[in-house]
Amino acid sequence: MVTTAKTYHIPVLMKDSVDGLNIGSAGIYVDVTFGGGGHSREILSRLDADGHLYSFDQDADAEKNIINDNRLTFVRSNFRYLKNWMRYYGVDHIDGLLADLGVSSHHFDDESRGFSFRFDAPLDMRMNKRDGTTAADVVNTYDEERLADIFYLYGELKNSRKIAAALVKARAAHKIETTQDFIGAVESLFRREREKKDMAKLFQALRIEVNNEMTALKEMLRSATELLRPGGRLSVITYHSLEDRIVKNVMKTGNAEGKMKQDFFGRIETPFTLINNKVITPDDEELANNPRSRSAKLRIAEKKDD
């Protein structure tokens, strides 16, 4: 059975995020997080025969959802290589880019991928199953200090050093190969009332490291900033504070670090104008229909004239 967009992943803030692109029917657009194809379908519905959409996804599973439309080019690649692929296709400028940075429901619900602590599965967590370091590789080979840094920086866990020490001790006895091996090594360190939230943060931290997500996001946003033509829009949905901070900084200052540059008159120099000063979040109806959208934040910015 072909996986549908709805069952693979319910698109979050779909109307708001696509409306935010201010689509011109003959424009060139990029969806860097194709997933189940929900946002891409909505973008295509607003293009005429002269418009075109490039959709990225590094996960082979997403290819099952490819839309049969000659206005769509599917790129099986990490979105960090956005600029290279646009150059390959002879595209110098784009009119808008959409990113839904959340992990697809498909990944959380696929018992074999190791993204969720709900299932006992190989500790993998790679978005691209073809290559790269698995979560098991990270847990079994990184030294204690490096593990602690990952859990603190990417999971914002205050007891990151204790977690790292527990993993190093556990792996000395036997290799940590499954999600249950991983959980068993550290669960005693979590208070019962916060166990699910903190375990989710721990899995998030490991997933971010495995997929090099923060670096990929910075590179994609840098490329998007260069590729967008004046008046082009950037519409980005984030799900945790780390990625949201990067997106916010790029839109406000033009760089991921948030370093402000000022002109002679003290005005902040930035390539973008913010379309929404306040983040857009799901309404009550969407939250009821899709509880996983609860942490979503949408930011939209427009490229200034050079």
Protein backbone atom coordinates (compact mmCIF):
# COMPACT_ATOMS: atom_id res chain seq x y z
CA MET A 1 0.00 0.00 0.00
CA VAL A 2 1.31 3.44 -0.89
CA THR A 3 1.71 5.61 2.20
CA THR A 4 -0.41 8.72 1.87
CA ALA A 5 0.59 12.20 2.97
CA LYS A 6 -2.01 12.10 5.71
CA THR A 7 -0.88 8.83 7.26
CA TYR A 8 2.84 9.51 6.76
CA HIS A 9 2.69 12.94 8.36
CA ILE A 10 -0.08 15.44 9.05
CA PRO A 11 1.16 18.81 7.72
CA VAL A 12 1.42 21.37 10.50
CA LEU A 13 0.24 25.00 10.07
CA MET A 14 -0.23 24.21 6.38
CA LYS A 15 -2.41 27.15 5.35
CA ASP A 16 -0.49 29.72 7.39
CA SER A 17 2.92 28.51 6.23
CA VAL A 18 1.99 28.35 2.53
CA ASP A 19 0.03 31.63 2.70
CA GLY A 20 3.21 33.09 4.17
CA LEU A 21 5.08 32.39 0.95
CA ASN A 22 2.82 34.88 -0.86
CA ILE A 23 2.97 32.60 -3.90
CA GLY A 24 3.14 33.95 -7.40
CA SER A 25 1.64 31.39 -9.78
CA ALA A 26 4.65 31.36 -12.12
CA GLY A 27 7.30 31.42 -9.39
CA ILE A 28 10.03 28.98 -8.36
CA TYR A 29 9.62 27.55 -4.86
CA VAL A 30 11.42 25.08 -2.62
CA ASP A 31 10.01 22.77 0.04
CA VAL A 32 13.11 21.52 1.85
CA THR A 33 11.15 19.04 4.03
CA PHE A 34 8.94 17.03 1.67
CA GLY A 35 7.98 14.22 4.08
CA GLY A 36 4.44 13.14 3.25
CA GLY A 37 4.13 15.82 0.58
CA GLY A 38 1.36 17.80 2.28
CA HIS A 39 2.96 21.24 2.08
CA SER A 40 4.26 20.50 -1.43
CA ARG A 41 0.77 19.60 -2.66
CA GLU A 42 -0.59 22.86 -1.31
CA ILE A 43 2.18 24.87 -2.99
CA LEU A 44 1.57 23.08 -6.32
CA SER A 45 -2.15 23.85 -6.08
CA ARG A 46 -1.24 27.55 -6.26
CA LEU A 47 1.15 27.34 -9.23
CA ASP A 48 0.23 27.53 -12.90
CA ALA A 49 1.96 25.69 -15.75
CA ASP A 50 4.97 28.05 -15.60
CA GLY A 51 5.60 27.62 -11.87
CA HIS A 52 7.96 25.02 -10.42
CA LEU A 53 8.60 23.39 -7.06
CA TYR A 54 11.78 21.66 -5.87
CA SER A 55 11.15 19.36 -2.91
CA PHE A 56 13.93 17.90 -0.78
CA ASP A 57 14.00 14.85 1.47
CA GLN A 58 16.92 12.62 2.41
CA ASP A 59 14.75 9.74 3.63
CA ALA A 60 14.10 6.98 1.10
CA ASP A 61 10.68 6.37 2.69
CA ALA A 62 9.54 9.83 1.57
CA GLU A 63 9.96 8.80 -2.07
CA LYS A 64 6.80 6.69 -1.75
CA ASN A 65 4.89 9.98 -1.50
CA ILE A 66 6.30 11.64 -4.63
CA ILE A 67 3.63 13.56 -6.51
CA ASN A 68 3.28 12.82 -10.23
CA ASP A 69 3.45 16.38 -11.53
CA ASN A 70 5.84 17.78 -14.12
CA ARG A 71 6.02 21.01 -12.11
CA LEU A 72 7.73 19.10 -9.29
CA THR A 73 11.35 18.06 -9.04
CA PHE A 74 12.07 15.74 -6.10
CA VAL A 75 15.61 15.95 -4.72
CA ARG A 76 16.68 13.07 -2.52
CA SER A 77 19.23 14.92 -0.44
CA ASN A 78 19.85 16.67 2.84
CA PHE A 79 18.66 20.26 2.58
CA ARG A 80 22.08 21.50 3.65
CA TYR A 81 23.07 21.01 -0.02
CA LEU A 82 20.31 23.34 -1.24
CA LYS A 83 22.64 25.75 -3.03
CA ASN A 84 24.55 22.98 -4.81
CA TRP A 85 21.36 21.37 -6.10
CA MET A 86 19.88 24.67 -7.26
CA ARG A 87 23.08 25.33 -9.16
CA TYR A 88 22.85 21.82 -10.65
CA TYR A 89 19.33 22.57 -11.91
CA GLY A 90 20.40 25.98 -13.24
CA VAL A 91 18.34 27.95 -10.70
CA ASP A 92 19.94 31.26 -9.66
CA HIS A 93 17.04 32.66 -7.65
CA ILE A 94 13.94 31.35 -5.92
CA ASP A 95 10.70 33.10 -4.95
CA GLY A 96 10.13 31.30 -1.68
CA LEU A 97 11.25 28.49 0.58
CA LEU A 98 9.25 26.49 3.12
CA ALA A 99 10.74 24.34 5.88
CA ASP A 100 8.79 22.21 8.34
CA LEU A 101 11.64 21.21 10.62
CA GLY A 102 9.76 18.68 12.71
CA VAL A 103 10.41 14.96 12.58
CA SER A 104 7.65 13.26 10.58
CA SER A 105 5.04 11.29 12.50
CA HIS A 106 6.18 8.43 10.26
CA HIS A 107 9.59 8.42 11.95
CA PHE A 108 8.18 8.42 15.47
CA ASP A 109 5.67 5.69 14.60
CA ASP A 110 8.04 3.42 12.67
CA GLU A 111 9.17 0.91 15.29
CA SER A 112 12.28 -0.01 13.30
CA ARG A 113 13.91 3.44 13.16
CA GLY A 114 14.74 4.01 16.84
CA PHE A 115 13.37 7.56 17.01
CA SER A 116 10.94 6.87 19.85
CA PHE A 117 11.35 5.51 23.36
CA ARG A 118 7.91 3.87 23.01
CA PHE A 119 9.37 0.91 21.09
CA ASP A 120 12.32 -1.41 21.53
CA ALA A 121 14.28 -1.02 18.31
CA PRO A 122 17.84 -0.77 17.02
CA LEU A 123 19.33 2.52 18.22
CA ASP A 124 19.62 4.10 14.74
CA MET A 125 17.91 7.52 14.37
CA ARG A 126 19.43 8.29 10.96
CA MET A 127 17.16 10.28 8.66
CA ASN A 128 19.22 8.92 5.77
CA LYS A 129 19.57 5.17 6.28
CA ARG A 130 22.12 4.88 3.48
CA ASP A 131 25.10 6.21 5.41
CA GLY A 132 26.30 8.08 8.46
CA THR A 133 26.78 7.45 12.16
CA THR A 134 23.98 5.73 14.07
CA ALA A 135 22.81 6.66 17.54
CA ALA A 136 24.36 3.40 18.79
CA ASP A 137 27.71 4.51 17.33
CA VAL A 138 27.45 7.80 19.23
CA VAL A 139 26.48 6.20 22.55
CA ASN A 140 29.16 3.50 22.37
CA THR A 141 32.13 5.49 21.02
CA TYR A 142 31.92 9.12 22.19
CA ASP A 143 33.84 9.92 25.35
CA GLU A 144 31.97 10.93 28.50
CA GLU A 145 32.60 14.67 28.15
CA ARG A 146 31.41 14.76 24.56
CA LEU A 147 28.24 12.85 25.44
CA ALA A 148 27.55 15.22 28.32
CA ASP A 149 27.95 18.22 26.02
CA ILE A 150 25.44 16.77 23.51
CA PHE A 151 22.81 16.12 26.17
CA TYR A 152 23.29 19.57 27.67
CA LEU A 153 23.44 21.58 24.43
CA TYR A 154 20.85 19.72 22.38
CA GLY A 155 18.59 18.36 25.13
CA GLU A 156 19.04 21.16 27.67
CA LEU A 157 19.29 18.50 30.38
CA LYS A 158 20.83 19.75 33.62
CA ASN A 159 21.95 16.29 34.70
CA SER A 160 23.77 15.67 31.42
CA ARG A 161 27.02 14.67 33.14
CA LYS A 162 25.32 12.01 35.24
CA ILE A 163 23.58 10.65 32.14
CA ALA A 164 26.88 10.47 30.24
CA ALA A 165 28.62 8.74 33.16
CA ALA A 166 25.81 6.18 33.42
CA LEU A 167 26.08 5.37 29.70
CA VAL A 168 29.84 4.95 29.85
CA LYS A 169 29.46 2.62 32.82
CA ALA A 170 26.70 0.61 31.10
CA ARG A 171 28.59 0.20 27.82
CA ALA A 172 31.62 -1.14 29.68
CA ALA A 173 29.46 -4.13 30.66
CA HIS A 174 27.81 -4.62 27.27
CA LYS A 175 27.32 -2.70 24.03
CA ILE A 176 24.25 -0.44 23.96
CA GLU A 177 22.44 -1.55 20.80
CA THR A 178 18.71 -0.89 21.26
CA THR A 179 16.46 1.86 22.56
CA GLN A 180 15.69 -0.29 25.62
CA ASP A 181 19.42 -0.77 26.31
CA PHE A 182 19.76 3.01 26.19
CA ILE A 183 16.75 3.69 28.40
CA GLY A 184 17.75 1.01 30.89
CA ALA A 185 21.14 2.63 31.39
CA VAL A 186 19.75 6.04 32.33
CA GLU A 187 16.11 5.83 33.45
CA SER A 188 17.00 5.77 37.17
CA LEU A 189 18.31 9.33 36.75
CA PHE A 190 14.92 10.74 35.76
CA ARG A 191 12.29 11.79 38.27
CA ARG A 192 9.08 9.86 37.70
CA GLU A 193 6.91 12.97 37.18
CA ARG A 194 9.26 14.30 34.47
CA GLU A 195 10.43 11.01 32.98
CA LYS A 196 8.59 11.26 29.64
CA LYS A 197 9.53 14.90 29.03
CA ASP A 198 13.18 14.39 29.93
CA MET A 199 13.42 11.14 27.98
CA ALA A 200 12.01 12.97 24.94
CA LYS A 201 14.72 15.63 25.38
CA LEU A 202 17.39 12.94 25.63
CA PHE A 203 16.21 11.24 22.43
CA GLN A 204 16.00 14.66 20.75
CA ALA A 205 19.60 15.44 21.68
CA LEU A 206 20.85 12.14 20.30
CA ARG A 207 18.83 12.55 17.08
CA ILE A 208 20.20 16.07 16.53
CA GLU A 209 23.77 14.81 16.91
CA VAL A 210 23.26 11.78 14.65
CA ASN A 211 21.80 13.89 11.84
CA ASN A 212 23.99 16.96 12.41
CA GLU A 213 20.76 18.96 12.39
CA MET A 214 21.96 22.32 13.70
CA THR A 215 24.80 22.60 11.19
CA ALA A 216 22.51 21.49 8.34
CA LEU A 217 19.91 24.09 9.35
CA LYS A 218 22.47 26.91 9.44
CA GLU A 219 23.84 25.94 6.02
CA MET A 220 20.36 25.69 4.51
CA LEU A 221 19.31 29.11 5.86
CA ARG A 222 22.54 30.68 4.60
CA SER A 223 21.89 29.27 1.13
CA ALA A 224 18.23 30.32 1.23
CA THR A 225 19.24 33.87 2.12
CA GLU A 226 21.50 33.99 -0.94
CA LEU A 227 19.02 32.33 -3.30
CA LEU A 228 15.89 34.31 -2.44
CA ARG A 229 15.19 37.12 -4.84
CA PRO A 230 14.05 40.50 -3.44
CA GLY A 231 10.47 40.06 -2.25
CA GLY A 232 10.97 36.30 -1.88
CA ARG A 233 9.68 34.71 1.31
CA LEU A 234 11.11 32.36 3.91
CA SER A 235 8.46 30.38 5.84
CA VAL A 236 9.86 28.15 8.60
CA ILE A 237 8.15 25.95 11.20
CA THR A 238 10.23 24.98 14.24
CA TYR A 239 9.54 22.62 17.14
CA HIS A 240 12.16 23.32 19.79
CA SER A 241 14.03 26.32 21.13
CA LEU A 242 17.40 25.46 19.59
CA GLU A 243 16.24 25.54 15.98
CA ASP A 244 13.77 28.37 16.64
CA ARG A 245 16.59 30.55 17.99
CA ILE A 246 18.64 29.98 14.84
CA VAL A 247 15.70 30.81 12.55
CA LYS A 248 14.80 33.88 14.60
CA ASN A 249 18.40 35.12 14.53
CA VAL A 250 18.73 34.65 10.75
CA MET A 251 15.49 36.51 10.09
CA LYS A 252 16.34 39.37 12.45
CA THR A 253 20.06 39.80 11.83
CA GLY A 254 20.97 37.73 8.77
CA ASN A 255 23.16 35.29 10.71
CA ALA A 256 22.57 32.27 12.94
CA GLU A 257 24.47 33.76 15.87
CA GLY A 258 22.23 36.83 16.06
CA LYS A 259 25.14 39.27 15.74
CA MET A 260 23.69 42.67 14.88
CA LYS A 261 25.37 44.86 12.30
CA GLN A 262 24.41 48.53 12.23
CA ASP A 263 24.77 51.14 9.53
CA PHE A 264 26.06 54.70 10.01
CA PHE A 265 22.68 55.78 11.40
CA GLY A 266 22.47 52.90 13.89
CA ARG A 267 19.90 50.92 11.92
CA ILE A 268 20.23 47.14 12.05
CA GLU A 269 21.45 45.76 8.75
CA THR A 270 19.56 42.60 7.86
CA PRO A 271 18.56 40.99 4.55
CA PHE A 272 15.01 40.36 5.81
CA THR A 273 11.84 42.16 6.81
CA LEU A 274 9.78 40.23 9.35
CA ILE A 275 6.26 39.44 8.18
CA ASN A 276 5.10 38.30 11.60
CA ASN A 277 6.77 39.84 14.65
CA LYS A 278 4.95 37.35 16.85
CA VAL A 279 5.27 33.63 16.09
CA ILE A 280 2.24 31.89 14.61
CA THR A 281 1.12 28.78 16.52
CA PRO A 282 -1.56 26.14 15.87
CA ASP A 283 -5.13 27.07 16.83
CA ASP A 284 -7.33 24.95 19.11
CA GLU A 285 -8.83 23.03 16.19
CA GLU A 286 -5.44 21.99 14.83
CA LEU A 287 -4.21 21.05 18.30
CA ALA A 288 -7.27 18.84 18.76
CA ASN A 289 -6.76 17.16 15.37
CA ASN A 290 -2.99 16.85 15.66
CA PRO A 291 -1.61 16.98 19.23
CA ARG A 292 1.94 16.65 17.89
CA SER A 293 1.64 20.20 16.51
CA ARG A 294 1.57 21.69 20.02
CA SER A 295 5.18 22.91 20.02
CA ALA A 296 5.13 24.29 16.45
CA LYS A 297 6.14 27.90 15.81
CA LEU A 298 5.96 29.56 12.40
CA ARG A 299 8.17 32.50 11.43
CA ILE A 300 7.94 34.27 8.06
CA ALA A 301 10.33 36.83 6.57
CA GLU A 302 10.70 38.61 3.23
CA LYS A 303 13.96 39.28 1.44
CA LYS A 304 14.70 43.00 1.15
CA ASP A 305 15.72 44.73 -2.06
CA ASP A 306 19.48 44.68 -2.53
